[in-house]
Amino acid sequence: MRVVDLSGISWRKSSYSNQDGGACLEVADDLPVVPVRDSKDSGRGPLVFGAAAWSGFAGAVERGDLFG
């Protein structure tokens, strides 16, 4: 298993976040993985995805293919 140092990274609000400030998802760019966290609970550790897995998930969300 590869370890990626996430200390000191810059987070940005994801374009998949709710624009009214409700469900805010933050991601970090330019890493070999895609860390994702809840902006309202940033003290909790992020979920970390492989780039291909995140891309597939984000594409499914965009197409509306997640729930049949």
Protein backbone atom coordinates (compact mmCIF):
# COMPACT_ATOMS: atom_id res chain seq x y z
CA MET A 1 0.00 0.00 0.00
CA ARG A 2 1.34 3.44 -0.94
CA VAL A 3 1.18 6.27 1.60
CA VAL A 4 0.35 9.79 0.42
CA ASP A 5 1.06 12.71 2.73
CA LEU A 6 -2.12 14.82 2.91
CA SER A 7 -0.82 17.34 5.44
CA GLY A 8 -0.65 20.85 4.08
CA ILE A 9 -2.78 20.21 1.00
CA SER A 10 -5.13 22.85 -0.36
CA TRP A 11 -8.80 21.96 -0.41
CA ARG A 12 -11.38 23.37 -2.82
CA LYS A 13 -15.15 23.09 -2.91
CA SER A 14 -16.16 20.43 -5.39
CA SER A 15 -18.36 21.35 -8.32
CA TYR A 16 -20.59 18.49 -7.14
CA SER A 17 -21.40 20.35 -3.90
CA ASN A 18 -24.79 21.78 -3.12
CA GLN A 19 -24.59 25.48 -4.08
CA ASP A 20 -26.81 26.71 -1.22
CA GLY A 21 -24.21 25.75 1.39
CA GLY A 22 -25.92 22.54 2.49
CA ALA A 23 -23.96 19.52 1.33
CA CYS A 24 -20.40 20.76 0.82
CA LEU A 25 -17.84 18.40 -0.55
CA GLU A 26 -14.19 19.42 -0.72
CA VAL A 27 -11.49 17.80 -2.83
CA ALA A 28 -7.75 18.32 -3.29
CA ASP A 29 -6.09 18.50 -6.70
CA ASP A 30 -2.73 17.49 -8.16
CA LEU A 31 -2.23 14.32 -6.14
CA PRO A 32 -1.91 10.68 -7.26
CA VAL A 33 -5.18 10.04 -5.36
CA VAL A 34 -8.40 12.04 -4.87
CA PRO A 35 -9.05 12.91 -1.22
CA VAL A 36 -12.64 13.98 -0.47
CA ARG A 37 -13.99 15.45 2.77
CA ASP A 38 -17.07 17.07 4.28
CA SER A 39 -16.35 20.78 4.68
CA LYS A 40 -18.64 20.98 7.72
CA ASP A 41 -16.60 18.27 9.50
CA SER A 42 -13.08 18.86 8.19
CA GLY A 43 -11.52 17.43 11.34
CA ARG A 44 -12.64 14.01 10.26
CA GLY A 45 -10.28 12.20 7.94
CA PRO A 46 -10.98 12.37 4.21
CA LEU A 47 -12.07 9.46 2.06
CA VAL A 48 -9.35 8.72 -0.48
CA PHE A 49 -10.10 7.32 -3.92
CA GLY A 50 -7.95 6.25 -6.82
CA ALA A 51 -8.20 8.70 -9.72
CA ALA A 52 -9.92 6.19 -12.02
CA ALA A 53 -12.48 5.23 -9.36
CA TRP A 54 -13.28 8.88 -8.62
CA SER A 55 -13.59 9.71 -12.31
CA GLY A 56 -15.97 6.79 -12.84
CA PHE A 57 -18.08 7.80 -9.85
CA ALA A 58 -18.20 11.48 -10.86
CA GLY A 59 -19.17 10.50 -14.41
CA ALA A 60 -21.98 8.29 -13.12
CA VAL A 61 -23.27 11.15 -10.95
CA GLU A 62 -23.16 13.53 -13.90
CA ARG A 63 -25.08 11.08 -16.12
CA GLY A 64 -27.57 10.19 -13.36
CA ASP A 65 -26.57 6.52 -13.58
CA LEU A 66 -26.14 5.82 -9.87
CA PHE A 67 -29.53 4.57 -8.84
CA GLY A 68 -30.88 2.90 -11.91
